[in-house]
Amino acid sequence: GNPERADEARSSRESCAIEIVDRARMMAERYALTKREHEILVFLLEGRSHPYIRDALYLSRSTVDTHVRHIYRKTNVNSKQELIDLSK
């Protein structure tokens, strides 16, 4: 492939990742999320699934579900999509 295009794509992904981390940090401060909730929020804003989060953080199903439930309650949303929309 074209090395310039590859660099542009990589740069675009990195910019998106930085933007998600920044939005998560602002939301964590605004909604008084715990450190773990903030960590999980980043994954949710990336569109990651609960199984993905469990595997990445070595957590049980119930632990991830509990943190996600707390994040939804604190931010007053009912779904991952609502959470993503709220972050923008």
N, C-alpha and C. Protein backbone atom coordinates (compact mmCIF):
# COMPACT_ATOMS: atom_id res chain seq x y z
N GLY A 1 0.79 -1.19 0.00
CA GLY A 1 0.00 0.00 0.00
C GLY A 1 0.83 1.25 0.00
N ASN A 2 0.12 2.31 0.06
CA ASN A 2 0.71 3.65 0.04
C ASN A 2 1.14 4.03 1.46
N PRO A 3 2.47 4.26 1.70
CA PRO A 3 2.93 4.59 3.05
C PRO A 3 2.35 5.90 3.59
N GLU A 4 2.10 6.87 2.70
CA GLU A 4 1.52 8.13 3.16
C GLU A 4 0.09 7.92 3.66
N ARG A 5 -0.67 7.10 2.97
CA ARG A 5 -2.04 6.79 3.41
C ARG A 5 -2.03 6.05 4.74
N ALA A 6 -1.10 5.12 4.89
CA ALA A 6 -0.99 4.37 6.15
C ALA A 6 -0.69 5.33 7.30
N ASP A 7 0.21 6.28 7.08
CA ASP A 7 0.53 7.27 8.11
C ASP A 7 -0.68 8.14 8.44
N GLU A 8 -1.43 8.54 7.42
CA GLU A 8 -2.64 9.34 7.65
C GLU A 8 -3.67 8.56 8.46
N ALA A 9 -3.87 7.30 8.13
CA ALA A 9 -4.84 6.47 8.85
C ALA A 9 -4.42 6.29 10.30
N ARG A 10 -3.13 6.04 10.53
CA ARG A 10 -2.62 5.87 11.89
C ARG A 10 -2.80 7.16 12.68
N SER A 11 -2.49 8.28 12.06
CA SER A 11 -2.63 9.57 12.71
C SER A 11 -4.09 9.85 13.07
N SER A 12 -5.00 9.49 12.17
CA SER A 12 -6.43 9.68 12.41
C SER A 12 -6.91 8.83 13.58
N ARG A 13 -6.47 7.56 13.64
CA ARG A 13 -6.84 6.67 14.76
C ARG A 13 -6.31 7.20 16.07
N GLU A 14 -5.07 7.68 16.06
CA GLU A 14 -4.47 8.22 17.28
C GLU A 14 -5.22 9.46 17.75
N SER A 15 -5.63 10.31 16.82
CA SER A 15 -6.40 11.51 17.17
C SER A 15 -7.73 11.14 17.79
N CYS A 16 -8.39 10.14 17.22
CA CYS A 16 -9.67 9.67 17.76
C CYS A 16 -9.49 9.11 19.17
N ALA A 17 -8.43 8.33 19.38
CA ALA A 17 -8.17 7.75 20.69
C ALA A 17 -7.92 8.83 21.72
N ILE A 18 -7.16 9.85 21.35
CA ILE A 18 -6.89 10.96 22.28
C ILE A 18 -8.18 11.70 22.60
N GLU A 19 -9.02 11.91 21.58
CA GLU A 19 -10.29 12.60 21.80
C GLU A 19 -11.19 11.81 22.75
N ILE A 20 -11.25 10.51 22.60
CA ILE A 20 -12.07 9.68 23.47
C ILE A 20 -11.56 9.75 24.91
N VAL A 21 -10.26 9.67 25.09
CA VAL A 21 -9.68 9.75 26.44
C VAL A 21 -10.00 11.10 27.07
N ASP A 22 -9.90 12.17 26.29
CA ASP A 22 -10.22 13.51 26.80
C ASP A 22 -11.70 13.63 27.19
N ARG A 23 -12.58 13.11 26.33
CA ARG A 23 -14.02 13.16 26.64
C ARG A 23 -14.32 12.34 27.89
N ALA A 24 -13.69 11.18 28.02
CA ALA A 24 -13.90 10.33 29.19
C ALA A 24 -13.42 11.04 30.46
N ARG A 25 -12.28 11.71 30.38
CA ARG A 25 -11.75 12.42 31.55
C ARG A 25 -12.71 13.52 31.98
N MET A 26 -13.22 14.29 31.03
CA MET A 26 -14.16 15.36 31.36
C MET A 26 -15.44 14.80 31.97
N MET A 27 -15.93 13.70 31.40
CA MET A 27 -17.15 13.09 31.93
C MET A 27 -16.90 12.52 33.33
N ALA A 28 -15.75 11.92 33.55
CA ALA A 28 -15.43 11.35 34.86
C ALA A 28 -15.43 12.44 35.92
N GLU A 29 -14.89 13.60 35.58
CA GLU A 29 -14.88 14.73 36.52
C GLU A 29 -16.29 15.26 36.73
N ARG A 30 -17.01 15.45 35.65
CA ARG A 30 -18.34 16.04 35.73
C ARG A 30 -19.33 15.17 36.52
N TYR A 31 -19.23 13.84 36.32
CA TYR A 31 -20.20 12.94 36.93
C TYR A 31 -19.64 12.18 38.14
N ALA A 32 -18.48 12.60 38.61
CA ALA A 32 -17.85 12.02 39.80
C ALA A 32 -17.70 10.49 39.69
N LEU A 33 -17.14 10.05 38.57
CA LEU A 33 -16.92 8.63 38.38
C LEU A 33 -15.66 8.21 39.14
N THR A 34 -15.66 6.97 39.59
CA THR A 34 -14.47 6.43 40.24
C THR A 34 -13.39 6.19 39.19
N LYS A 35 -12.19 5.89 39.65
CA LYS A 35 -11.08 5.61 38.73
C LYS A 35 -11.42 4.42 37.83
N ARG A 36 -11.98 3.35 38.40
CA ARG A 36 -12.33 2.16 37.62
C ARG A 36 -13.47 2.47 36.65
N GLU A 37 -14.47 3.24 37.09
CA GLU A 37 -15.56 3.63 36.19
C GLU A 37 -15.02 4.45 35.02
N HIS A 38 -14.08 5.32 35.30
CA HIS A 38 -13.46 6.12 34.24
C HIS A 38 -12.74 5.22 33.25
N GLU A 39 -12.02 4.24 33.76
CA GLU A 39 -11.30 3.29 32.91
C GLU A 39 -12.27 2.53 31.99
N ILE A 40 -13.38 2.09 32.57
CA ILE A 40 -14.39 1.36 31.79
C ILE A 40 -15.10 2.29 30.82
N LEU A 41 -15.31 3.53 31.22
CA LEU A 41 -15.94 4.52 30.34
C LEU A 41 -15.16 4.68 29.04
N VAL A 42 -13.84 4.70 29.12
CA VAL A 42 -13.04 4.81 27.90
C VAL A 42 -13.38 3.67 26.93
N PHE A 43 -13.44 2.46 27.45
CA PHE A 43 -13.78 1.31 26.60
C PHE A 43 -15.19 1.46 26.02
N LEU A 44 -16.14 1.91 26.82
CA LEU A 44 -17.51 2.08 26.34
C LEU A 44 -17.57 3.13 25.24
N LEU A 45 -16.85 4.24 25.41
CA LEU A 45 -16.86 5.29 24.39
C LEU A 45 -16.18 4.84 23.10
N GLU A 46 -15.31 3.83 23.22
CA GLU A 46 -14.70 3.23 22.02
C GLU A 46 -15.65 2.25 21.36
N GLY A 47 -16.79 1.98 22.01
CA GLY A 47 -17.77 1.04 21.46
C GLY A 47 -17.48 -0.41 21.82
N ARG A 48 -16.61 -0.63 22.81
CA ARG A 48 -16.22 -2.00 23.18
C ARG A 48 -17.35 -2.71 23.92
N SER A 49 -17.38 -4.04 23.79
CA SER A 49 -18.40 -4.87 24.42
C SER A 49 -17.99 -5.21 25.86
N HIS A 50 -18.97 -5.66 26.63
CA HIS A 50 -18.69 -6.09 28.01
C HIS A 50 -17.67 -7.23 28.03
N PRO A 51 -17.80 -8.27 27.17
CA PRO A 51 -16.77 -9.32 27.18
C PRO A 51 -15.37 -8.79 26.87
N TYR A 52 -15.29 -7.85 25.95
CA TYR A 52 -13.99 -7.26 25.63
C TYR A 52 -13.41 -6.57 26.86
N ILE A 53 -14.24 -5.79 27.55
CA ILE A 53 -13.79 -5.07 28.75
C ILE A 53 -13.36 -6.06 29.83
N ARG A 54 -14.15 -7.10 30.03
CA ARG A 54 -13.80 -8.13 31.03
C ARG A 54 -12.42 -8.71 30.74
N ASP A 55 -12.19 -9.08 29.49
CA ASP A 55 -10.90 -9.68 29.12
C ASP A 55 -9.75 -8.69 29.25
N ALA A 56 -9.97 -7.46 28.84
CA ALA A 56 -8.90 -6.45 28.87
C ALA A 56 -8.50 -6.09 30.29
N LEU A 57 -9.48 -6.08 31.20
CA LEU A 57 -9.21 -5.64 32.57
C LEU A 57 -9.18 -6.79 33.58
N TYR A 58 -9.35 -8.01 33.10
CA TYR A 58 -9.34 -9.20 33.98
C TYR A 58 -10.37 -9.07 35.10
N LEU A 59 -11.59 -8.73 34.71
CA LEU A 59 -12.68 -8.57 35.68
C LEU A 59 -13.76 -9.61 35.41
N SER A 60 -14.56 -9.87 36.42
CA SER A 60 -15.68 -10.81 36.26
C SER A 60 -16.83 -10.11 35.54
N ARG A 61 -17.74 -10.92 35.04
CA ARG A 61 -18.93 -10.40 34.36
C ARG A 61 -19.72 -9.47 35.29
N SER A 62 -19.95 -9.92 36.52
CA SER A 62 -20.76 -9.12 37.44
C SER A 62 -20.08 -7.81 37.81
N THR A 63 -18.75 -7.82 37.90
CA THR A 63 -18.03 -6.59 38.23
C THR A 63 -18.16 -5.56 37.11
N VAL A 64 -17.97 -6.00 35.87
CA VAL A 64 -18.12 -5.08 34.74
C VAL A 64 -19.56 -4.58 34.66
N ASP A 65 -20.52 -5.49 34.80
CA ASP A 65 -21.93 -5.09 34.73
C ASP A 65 -22.26 -4.06 35.81
N THR A 66 -21.73 -4.26 37.01
CA THR A 66 -21.98 -3.32 38.11
C THR A 66 -21.39 -1.95 37.80
N HIS A 67 -20.15 -1.91 37.33
CA HIS A 67 -19.53 -0.63 37.00
C HIS A 67 -20.31 0.08 35.88
N VAL A 68 -20.70 -0.66 34.86
CA VAL A 68 -21.45 -0.06 33.76
C VAL A 68 -22.79 0.48 34.27
N ARG A 69 -23.45 -0.27 35.10
CA ARG A 69 -24.72 0.18 35.69
C ARG A 69 -24.51 1.48 36.46
N HIS A 70 -23.44 1.57 37.25
CA HIS A 70 -23.15 2.79 38.01
C HIS A 70 -22.86 3.96 37.08
N ILE A 71 -22.12 3.71 36.02
CA ILE A 71 -21.82 4.77 35.04
C ILE A 71 -23.12 5.28 34.42
N TYR A 72 -23.98 4.36 34.01
CA TYR A 72 -25.26 4.76 33.40
C TYR A 72 -26.10 5.56 34.38
N ARG A 73 -26.15 5.11 35.64
CA ARG A 73 -26.96 5.81 36.64
C ARG A 73 -26.41 7.22 36.89
N LYS A 74 -25.10 7.33 37.06
CA LYS A 74 -24.49 8.63 37.35
C LYS A 74 -24.65 9.60 36.18
N THR A 75 -24.62 9.11 34.97
CA THR A 75 -24.73 9.97 33.79
C THR A 75 -26.17 10.07 33.27
N ASN A 76 -27.07 9.32 33.90
CA ASN A 76 -28.49 9.34 33.55
C ASN A 76 -28.74 8.92 32.10
N VAL A 77 -28.11 7.81 31.70
CA VAL A 77 -28.35 7.23 30.37
C VAL A 77 -28.78 5.78 30.54
N ASN A 78 -29.29 5.19 29.46
CA ASN A 78 -29.78 3.82 29.51
C ASN A 78 -29.09 2.88 28.53
N SER A 79 -28.12 3.39 27.76
CA SER A 79 -27.46 2.54 26.79
C SER A 79 -26.07 3.09 26.46
N LYS A 80 -25.27 2.23 25.86
CA LYS A 80 -23.94 2.65 25.43
C LYS A 80 -24.04 3.77 24.41
N GLN A 81 -25.00 3.67 23.48
CA GLN A 81 -25.15 4.72 22.46
C GLN A 81 -25.51 6.05 23.10
N GLU A 82 -26.40 6.05 24.09
CA GLU A 82 -26.73 7.30 24.79
C GLU A 82 -25.49 7.87 25.48
N LEU A 83 -24.67 7.01 26.03
CA LEU A 83 -23.44 7.43 26.68
C LEU A 83 -22.49 8.07 25.68
N ILE A 84 -22.34 7.44 24.52
CA ILE A 84 -21.49 7.99 23.46
C ILE A 84 -22.02 9.34 23.00
N ASP A 85 -23.34 9.42 22.80
CA ASP A 85 -23.96 10.69 22.38
C ASP A 85 -23.73 11.78 23.43
N LEU A 86 -23.88 11.43 24.70
CA LEU A 86 -23.67 12.38 25.79
C LEU A 86 -22.24 12.90 25.81
N SER A 87 -21.31 12.06 25.43
CA SER A 87 -19.90 12.45 25.48
C SER A 87 -19.52 13.48 24.43
N LYS A 88 -20.35 13.63 23.42
CA LYS A 88 -19.98 14.51 22.29
C LYS A 88 -20.43 15.93 22.49
